[in-house]
N, C-alpha and C. Protein backbone atom coordinates (compact mmCIF):
# COMPACT_ATOMS: atom_id res chain seq x y z
N MET A 1 -8.08 0.65 16.80
CA MET A 1 -7.73 0.02 15.56
C MET A 1 -7.64 -1.49 15.78
N LYS A 2 -8.21 -2.24 14.82
CA LYS A 2 -8.11 -3.70 14.85
C LYS A 2 -7.24 -4.13 13.68
N ILE A 3 -6.29 -5.02 13.94
CA ILE A 3 -5.41 -5.55 12.91
C ILE A 3 -5.60 -7.06 12.86
N ILE A 4 -6.00 -7.56 11.68
CA ILE A 4 -6.28 -8.98 11.51
C ILE A 4 -5.28 -9.54 10.50
N ASN A 5 -4.54 -10.58 10.89
CA ASN A 5 -3.63 -11.24 9.95
C ASN A 5 -4.44 -12.28 9.19
N LEU A 6 -4.69 -12.03 7.91
CA LEU A 6 -5.52 -12.92 7.10
C LEU A 6 -4.78 -14.18 6.66
N THR A 7 -3.47 -14.21 6.85
CA THR A 7 -2.67 -15.37 6.44
C THR A 7 -1.97 -16.04 7.62
N ALA A 8 -2.51 -15.87 8.80
CA ALA A 8 -1.88 -16.42 10.00
C ALA A 8 -1.73 -17.94 9.94
N HIS A 9 -2.64 -18.61 9.26
CA HIS A 9 -2.60 -20.08 9.20
C HIS A 9 -2.41 -20.58 7.77
N SER A 10 -1.69 -19.83 6.95
CA SER A 10 -1.46 -20.23 5.56
C SER A 10 -0.70 -21.54 5.48
N ARG A 11 -1.04 -22.31 4.48
CA ARG A 11 -0.35 -23.57 4.24
C ARG A 11 0.67 -23.46 3.12
N ILE A 12 0.68 -22.31 2.43
CA ILE A 12 1.65 -22.08 1.37
C ILE A 12 2.49 -20.87 1.74
N TYR A 13 3.65 -20.76 1.10
CA TYR A 13 4.54 -19.63 1.37
C TYR A 13 3.94 -18.35 0.80
N THR A 14 3.77 -17.36 1.66
CA THR A 14 3.24 -16.07 1.25
C THR A 14 3.65 -15.03 2.28
N CYS A 15 3.56 -13.77 1.89
CA CYS A 15 3.79 -12.72 2.87
C CYS A 15 2.56 -12.62 3.78
N ASN A 16 2.72 -11.96 4.89
CA ASN A 16 1.57 -11.72 5.77
C ASN A 16 0.65 -10.71 5.11
N VAL A 17 -0.64 -10.96 5.20
CA VAL A 17 -1.65 -10.05 4.66
C VAL A 17 -2.48 -9.56 5.84
N TYR A 18 -2.55 -8.26 6.01
CA TYR A 18 -3.26 -7.68 7.15
C TYR A 18 -4.48 -6.90 6.69
N LEU A 19 -5.54 -6.99 7.46
CA LEU A 19 -6.72 -6.16 7.29
C LEU A 19 -6.78 -5.24 8.50
N VAL A 20 -6.77 -3.94 8.26
CA VAL A 20 -6.80 -2.95 9.34
C VAL A 20 -8.17 -2.29 9.34
N LEU A 21 -8.83 -2.35 10.49
CA LEU A 21 -10.18 -1.81 10.65
C LEU A 21 -10.21 -0.81 11.80
N GLY A 22 -11.21 0.05 11.82
CA GLY A 22 -11.42 0.94 12.96
C GLY A 22 -11.96 0.16 14.15
N ASP A 23 -11.85 0.71 15.32
CA ASP A 23 -12.31 0.04 16.54
C ASP A 23 -13.79 -0.32 16.50
N HIS A 24 -14.61 0.54 15.90
CA HIS A 24 -16.06 0.35 15.95
C HIS A 24 -16.69 0.12 14.58
N ASN A 25 -15.86 -0.10 13.55
CA ASN A 25 -16.36 -0.29 12.17
C ASN A 25 -17.30 0.83 11.74
N ALA A 26 -16.96 2.05 12.12
CA ALA A 26 -17.78 3.21 11.77
C ALA A 26 -17.64 3.53 10.29
N LEU A 27 -18.62 4.22 9.73
CA LEU A 27 -18.59 4.57 8.32
C LEU A 27 -17.38 5.42 7.95
N ALA A 28 -16.89 6.22 8.89
CA ALA A 28 -15.73 7.07 8.61
C ALA A 28 -14.41 6.30 8.62
N ASP A 29 -14.39 5.11 9.21
CA ASP A 29 -13.18 4.30 9.24
C ASP A 29 -12.87 3.77 7.84
N VAL A 30 -11.60 3.71 7.49
CA VAL A 30 -11.18 3.24 6.17
C VAL A 30 -10.61 1.82 6.31
N ASN A 31 -11.33 0.83 5.79
CA ASN A 31 -10.86 -0.55 5.83
C ASN A 31 -9.69 -0.68 4.86
N THR A 32 -8.55 -1.15 5.38
CA THR A 32 -7.31 -1.15 4.61
C THR A 32 -6.71 -2.54 4.56
N LEU A 33 -6.34 -2.98 3.37
CA LEU A 33 -5.63 -4.24 3.17
C LEU A 33 -4.17 -3.92 2.96
N ILE A 34 -3.29 -4.54 3.75
CA ILE A 34 -1.86 -4.30 3.62
C ILE A 34 -1.21 -5.56 3.07
N ASP A 35 -0.58 -5.42 1.93
CA ASP A 35 0.04 -6.50 1.15
C ASP A 35 -1.01 -7.52 0.74
N ALA A 36 -0.94 -7.94 -0.50
CA ALA A 36 -1.97 -8.82 -1.04
C ALA A 36 -1.65 -10.30 -0.87
N GLY A 37 -0.38 -10.65 -0.79
CA GLY A 37 -0.01 -12.04 -0.66
C GLY A 37 -0.41 -12.85 -1.88
N ARG A 38 -0.31 -14.17 -1.77
CA ARG A 38 -0.70 -15.01 -2.89
C ARG A 38 -1.44 -16.25 -2.45
N ASP A 39 -1.90 -16.27 -1.22
CA ASP A 39 -2.66 -17.41 -0.70
C ASP A 39 -4.15 -17.13 -0.87
N PRO A 40 -4.87 -17.96 -1.63
CA PRO A 40 -6.31 -17.75 -1.81
C PRO A 40 -7.09 -17.78 -0.49
N GLU A 41 -6.52 -18.40 0.53
CA GLU A 41 -7.19 -18.46 1.83
C GLU A 41 -7.37 -17.06 2.43
N ALA A 42 -6.51 -16.12 2.05
CA ALA A 42 -6.63 -14.75 2.53
C ALA A 42 -7.96 -14.15 2.08
N ILE A 43 -8.39 -14.47 0.86
CA ILE A 43 -9.67 -13.96 0.35
C ILE A 43 -10.82 -14.56 1.14
N SER A 44 -10.73 -15.85 1.43
CA SER A 44 -11.77 -16.51 2.24
C SER A 44 -11.87 -15.85 3.61
N ASN A 45 -10.72 -15.60 4.23
CA ASN A 45 -10.71 -14.97 5.55
C ASN A 45 -11.23 -13.53 5.48
N LEU A 46 -10.94 -12.84 4.38
CA LEU A 46 -11.45 -11.48 4.19
C LEU A 46 -12.97 -11.47 4.11
N LYS A 47 -13.53 -12.45 3.40
CA LYS A 47 -14.99 -12.52 3.27
C LYS A 47 -15.67 -12.80 4.60
N GLU A 48 -14.98 -13.44 5.53
CA GLU A 48 -15.55 -13.76 6.83
C GLU A 48 -15.37 -12.65 7.86
N ALA A 49 -14.48 -11.71 7.59
CA ALA A 49 -14.19 -10.64 8.55
C ALA A 49 -15.37 -9.69 8.69
N SER A 50 -15.59 -9.24 9.91
CA SER A 50 -16.65 -8.27 10.19
C SER A 50 -16.10 -6.87 9.92
N THR A 51 -16.51 -6.27 8.81
CA THR A 51 -15.95 -4.98 8.40
C THR A 51 -16.91 -3.81 8.54
N GLY A 52 -18.10 -4.05 9.03
CA GLY A 52 -19.06 -2.97 9.23
C GLY A 52 -20.22 -3.05 8.27
N VAL A 53 -21.40 -2.72 8.76
CA VAL A 53 -22.62 -2.77 7.96
C VAL A 53 -22.61 -1.63 6.94
N GLY A 54 -22.85 -1.96 5.69
CA GLY A 54 -22.92 -0.95 4.64
C GLY A 54 -21.57 -0.45 4.17
N LYS A 55 -20.49 -1.07 4.61
CA LYS A 55 -19.15 -0.64 4.23
C LYS A 55 -18.55 -1.62 3.22
N LYS A 56 -17.65 -1.12 2.39
CA LYS A 56 -16.88 -1.99 1.52
C LYS A 56 -15.89 -2.76 2.38
N ARG A 57 -15.66 -4.01 2.03
CA ARG A 57 -14.70 -4.81 2.81
C ARG A 57 -13.30 -4.21 2.75
N VAL A 58 -12.91 -3.72 1.58
CA VAL A 58 -11.60 -3.08 1.41
C VAL A 58 -11.80 -1.76 0.69
N GLU A 59 -11.34 -0.68 1.33
CA GLU A 59 -11.47 0.64 0.72
C GLU A 59 -10.15 1.18 0.20
N GLN A 60 -9.05 0.62 0.69
CA GLN A 60 -7.75 0.99 0.15
C GLN A 60 -6.79 -0.18 0.35
N VAL A 61 -5.78 -0.23 -0.52
CA VAL A 61 -4.77 -1.29 -0.47
C VAL A 61 -3.41 -0.62 -0.39
N ILE A 62 -2.59 -1.12 0.53
CA ILE A 62 -1.22 -0.63 0.66
C ILE A 62 -0.30 -1.82 0.39
N ILE A 63 0.61 -1.66 -0.56
CA ILE A 63 1.58 -2.71 -0.86
C ILE A 63 2.95 -2.18 -0.45
N SER A 64 3.61 -2.90 0.43
CA SER A 64 4.91 -2.44 0.90
C SER A 64 5.93 -2.59 -0.21
N ILE A 65 6.83 -1.64 -0.31
CA ILE A 65 7.83 -1.62 -1.38
C ILE A 65 8.77 -2.81 -1.27
N ILE A 66 8.99 -3.32 -0.08
CA ILE A 66 9.86 -4.48 0.09
C ILE A 66 9.30 -5.66 -0.70
N ARG A 67 7.99 -5.88 -0.66
CA ARG A 67 7.36 -6.97 -1.39
C ARG A 67 7.53 -6.78 -2.90
N VAL A 68 7.39 -5.57 -3.37
CA VAL A 68 7.55 -5.29 -4.79
C VAL A 68 8.97 -5.59 -5.22
N MET A 69 9.96 -5.17 -4.44
CA MET A 69 11.35 -5.42 -4.78
C MET A 69 11.67 -6.92 -4.75
N GLU A 70 11.12 -7.66 -3.79
CA GLU A 70 11.33 -9.10 -3.73
C GLU A 70 10.80 -9.78 -4.99
N ASN A 71 9.63 -9.38 -5.43
CA ASN A 71 9.04 -9.97 -6.62
C ASN A 71 9.87 -9.66 -7.87
N LEU A 72 10.39 -8.45 -7.97
CA LEU A 72 11.23 -8.10 -9.11
C LEU A 72 12.50 -8.95 -9.13
N CYS A 73 13.07 -9.16 -7.96
CA CYS A 73 14.30 -9.96 -7.87
C CYS A 73 14.02 -11.43 -8.21
N LEU A 74 12.87 -11.94 -7.84
CA LEU A 74 12.54 -13.32 -8.12
C LEU A 74 12.35 -13.57 -9.62
N LYS A 75 11.90 -12.56 -10.36
CA LYS A 75 11.65 -12.71 -11.79
C LYS A 75 12.95 -12.76 -12.59
N GLU A 76 14.01 -12.19 -12.06
CA GLU A 76 15.29 -12.14 -12.80
C GLU A 76 16.06 -13.43 -12.67
């Protein structure tokens, strides 16, 4: 498994955004984005990531409940 922090060098405040890939980028591997963050640089880094030939860059998204609760608290 490869884990890439897409926001490692963010210049704005955001949560960490991770892209999780299989070791060999095989067709059976599920490319997963964990937390979406709010830094547009994460999208640029996602476009540059090697995710496998013929595969979708992101096949599933996981948002941690802690991030959802933080956002709800910030709105109040």
